[in-house]
């Protein structure tokens, strides 16, 4: 099944093994990164939905609400 690679058999098979290992590590790293990003996105979306729900629930103060005042204050510090 494996062709005769002669005296280079160990080197060639080691190179194939290292390549397969690196590909597996890259796939695993990509999968873990995608899971981390998905969790972060879900948290941001949940935070956005809860903020929108609290705004529409009748806090009713418009642009003078506490989160907006905090945002405006931080913008003034940056400027």
Foldseek 3Di string as FASTA:
>chain_A
DDDPPDPCVVVVVVVVVVVVVVVVVVVVVVVVVVVVVVVVVVVVVVVVVVVVCVVVVPPPPPCPDPVNVVVVVVVVVVD
